Amino acid sequence: MVKSRGEAKLITSFYGNDDLQVIRAEMLLASAVLEHNSPVAFADHFESLLKCMCPDLKIAEKLSCVCTKTTSLINFLAGDSANVLSEVMKTGPGMV
């Protein structure tokens, strides 16, 4: 949720469907870098490679996820995972 001066809006209300697909693609790229323990700099190469491989894809044209953004997304994913792990540990077996 994004909080403005009076009301809270879903972040998705600021984007169109094409933008949401681009955001999804960027998150998938960051997840793949993280999952395969690849250097974050790989995102720089992959973005340009994907645009060369698929020049007719609208999503590839709009993709903008080089190492700075990929690092930010990875940190976001890591924070979310830490929150989930924390909750599991609080309620898991052996906890009082």
C-alpha atoms as a PDB file:
ATOM      1  CA  MET A   1       0.000   0.000   0.000  1.00  0.00           C
ATOM      2  CA  VAL A   2       1.133   3.517  -0.746  1.00  0.00           C
ATOM      3  CA  LYS A   3      -0.060   6.088   1.715  1.00  0.00           C
ATOM      4  CA  SER A   4      -0.816   9.550   0.459  1.00  0.00           C
ATOM      5  CA  ARG A   5      -2.007  12.515   2.453  1.00  0.00           C
ATOM      6  CA  GLY A   6      -5.418  11.139   3.188  1.00  0.00           C
ATOM      7  CA  GLU A   7      -6.031   7.794   1.644  1.00  0.00           C
ATOM      8  CA  ALA A   8      -4.122   4.624   0.998  1.00  0.00           C
ATOM      9  CA  LYS A   9      -3.935   3.304  -2.556  1.00  0.00           C
ATOM     10  CA  LEU A  10      -2.677   0.032  -3.907  1.00  0.00           C
ATOM     11  CA  ILE A  11       0.602   0.474  -5.742  1.00  0.00           C
ATOM     12  CA  THR A  12      -0.988  -1.241  -8.738  1.00  0.00           C
ATOM     13  CA  SER A  13      -3.374   1.699  -9.168  1.00  0.00           C
ATOM     14  CA  PHE A  14      -0.431   3.758 -10.479  1.00  0.00           C
ATOM     15  CA  TYR A  15       0.441   1.356 -13.293  1.00  0.00           C
ATOM     16  CA  GLY A  16      -1.238   0.001 -16.415  1.00  0.00           C
ATOM     17  CA  ASN A  17      -1.349  -3.684 -17.329  1.00  0.00           C
ATOM     18  CA  ASP A  18       1.733  -3.414 -19.553  1.00  0.00           C
ATOM     19  CA  ASP A  19       3.657  -1.821 -16.696  1.00  0.00           C
ATOM     20  CA  LEU A  20       2.609  -4.594 -14.314  1.00  0.00           C
ATOM     21  CA  GLN A  21       3.918  -7.166 -16.788  1.00  0.00           C
ATOM     22  CA  VAL A  22       7.220  -5.286 -16.940  1.00  0.00           C
ATOM     23  CA  ILE A  23       7.406  -5.160 -13.134  1.00  0.00           C
ATOM     24  CA  ARG A  24       6.700  -8.906 -13.048  1.00  0.00           C
ATOM     25  CA  ALA A  25       9.480  -9.531 -15.581  1.00  0.00           C
ATOM     26  CA  GLU A  26      11.897  -7.419 -13.531  1.00  0.00           C
ATOM     27  CA  MET A  27      11.008  -9.328 -10.357  1.00  0.00           C
ATOM     28  CA  LEU A  28      11.486 -12.637 -12.168  1.00  0.00           C
ATOM     29  CA  LEU A  29      14.910 -11.507 -13.375  1.00  0.00           C
ATOM     30  CA  ALA A  30      15.935 -10.469  -9.851  1.00  0.00           C
ATOM     31  CA  SER A  31      14.602 -13.770  -8.476  1.00  0.00           C
ATOM     32  CA  ALA A  32      16.568 -15.761 -11.055  1.00  0.00           C
ATOM     33  CA  VAL A  33      19.779 -13.880 -10.237  1.00  0.00           C
ATOM     34  CA  LEU A  34      19.202 -14.603  -6.558  1.00  0.00           C
ATOM     35  CA  GLU A  35      18.150 -18.228  -7.015  1.00  0.00           C
ATOM     36  CA  HIS A  36      21.156 -19.128  -9.158  1.00  0.00           C
ATOM     37  CA  ASN A  37      23.601 -17.109  -7.067  1.00  0.00           C
ATOM     38  CA  SER A  38      24.598 -15.168 -10.174  1.00  0.00           C
ATOM     39  CA  PRO A  39      26.480 -11.887 -10.004  1.00  0.00           C
ATOM     40  CA  VAL A  40      24.083  -8.935  -9.956  1.00  0.00           C
ATOM     41  CA  ALA A  41      26.024  -7.507 -12.917  1.00  0.00           C
ATOM     42  CA  PHE A  42      24.491 -10.333 -14.975  1.00  0.00           C
ATOM     43  CA  ALA A  43      21.278  -8.268 -15.048  1.00  0.00           C
ATOM     44  CA  ASP A  44      23.093  -5.595 -17.089  1.00  0.00           C
ATOM     45  CA  HIS A  45      24.024  -8.157 -19.716  1.00  0.00           C
ATOM     46  CA  PHE A  46      20.729 -10.036 -19.671  1.00  0.00           C
ATOM     47  CA  GLU A  47      18.581  -6.962 -20.267  1.00  0.00           C
ATOM     48  CA  SER A  48      20.435  -6.010 -23.449  1.00  0.00           C
ATOM     49  CA  LEU A  49      20.614  -9.665 -24.526  1.00  0.00           C
ATOM     50  CA  LEU A  50      16.852 -10.104 -24.118  1.00  0.00           C
ATOM     51  CA  LYS A  51      16.160  -6.945 -26.127  1.00  0.00           C
ATOM     52  CA  CYS A  52      18.376  -8.300 -28.945  1.00  0.00           C
ATOM     53  CA  MET A  53      16.813 -11.757 -28.799  1.00  0.00           C
ATOM     54  CA  CYS A  54      13.199 -10.526 -28.726  1.00  0.00           C
ATOM     55  CA  PRO A  55      13.067  -7.107 -30.426  1.00  0.00           C
ATOM     56  CA  ASP A  56       9.323  -7.371 -31.045  1.00  0.00           C
ATOM     57  CA  LEU A  57       8.284  -7.931 -27.417  1.00  0.00           C
ATOM     58  CA  LYS A  58       6.760  -4.880 -25.730  1.00  0.00           C
ATOM     59  CA  ILE A  59       7.817  -6.110 -22.296  1.00  0.00           C
ATOM     60  CA  ALA A  60      11.447  -6.563 -23.389  1.00  0.00           C
ATOM     61  CA  GLU A  61      11.460  -3.032 -24.829  1.00  0.00           C
ATOM     62  CA  LYS A  62      10.284  -1.572 -21.514  1.00  0.00           C
ATOM     63  CA  LEU A  63      12.494  -3.746 -19.323  1.00  0.00           C
ATOM     64  CA  SER A  64      14.819  -1.613 -17.245  1.00  0.00           C
ATOM     65  CA  CYS A  65      16.396  -3.802 -14.598  1.00  0.00           C
ATOM     66  CA  VAL A  66      20.163  -3.404 -14.496  1.00  0.00           C
ATOM     67  CA  CYS A  67      22.309  -4.094 -11.452  1.00  0.00           C
ATOM     68  CA  THR A  68      21.142  -1.163  -9.278  1.00  0.00           C
ATOM     69  CA  LYS A  69      17.450  -1.997  -9.625  1.00  0.00           C
ATOM     70  CA  THR A  70      18.130  -5.730  -9.432  1.00  0.00           C
ATOM     71  CA  THR A  71      19.999  -5.210  -6.152  1.00  0.00           C
ATOM     72  CA  SER A  72      17.069  -3.221  -4.798  1.00  0.00           C
ATOM     73  CA  LEU A  73      14.594  -5.926  -5.810  1.00  0.00           C
ATOM     74  CA  ILE A  74      16.784  -8.632  -4.263  1.00  0.00           C
ATOM     75  CA  ASN A  75      16.907  -6.668  -1.011  1.00  0.00           C
ATOM     76  CA  PHE A  76      13.107  -6.393  -1.134  1.00  0.00           C
ATOM     77  CA  LEU A  77      12.755 -10.137  -1.716  1.00  0.00           C
ATOM     78  CA  ALA A  78      15.233 -10.878   1.080  1.00  0.00           C
ATOM     79  CA  GLY A  79      13.312  -8.653   3.494  1.00  0.00           C
ATOM     80  CA  ASP A  80      10.058 -10.386   2.648  1.00  0.00           C
ATOM     81  CA  SER A  81      11.674 -13.806   3.135  1.00  0.00           C
ATOM     82  CA  ALA A  82      13.097 -12.704   6.486  1.00  0.00           C
ATOM     83  CA  ASN A  83       9.630 -11.638   7.639  1.00  0.00           C
ATOM     84  CA  VAL A  84       8.114 -14.972   6.620  1.00  0.00           C
ATOM     85  CA  LEU A  85      10.943 -16.901   8.286  1.00  0.00           C
ATOM     86  CA  SER A  86      10.534 -14.837  11.453  1.00  0.00           C
ATOM     87  CA  GLU A  87       6.819 -15.658  11.632  1.00  0.00           C
ATOM     88  CA  VAL A  88       7.459 -19.367  11.038  1.00  0.00           C
ATOM     89  CA  MET A  89      10.074 -19.412  13.775  1.00  0.00           C
ATOM     90  CA  LYS A  90       7.696 -17.685  16.202  1.00  0.00           C
ATOM     91  CA  THR A  91       4.962 -20.257  15.671  1.00  0.00           C
ATOM     92  CA  GLY A  92       7.011 -23.330  14.762  1.00  0.00           C
ATOM     93  CA  PRO A  93       7.440 -26.540  16.741  1.00  0.00           C
ATOM     94  CA  GLY A  94       9.296 -26.147  20.024  1.00  0.00           C
ATOM     95  CA  MET A  95       8.289 -22.543  20.499  1.00  0.00           C
ATOM     96  CA  VAL A  96       6.711 -21.596  23.836  1.00  0.00           C
END
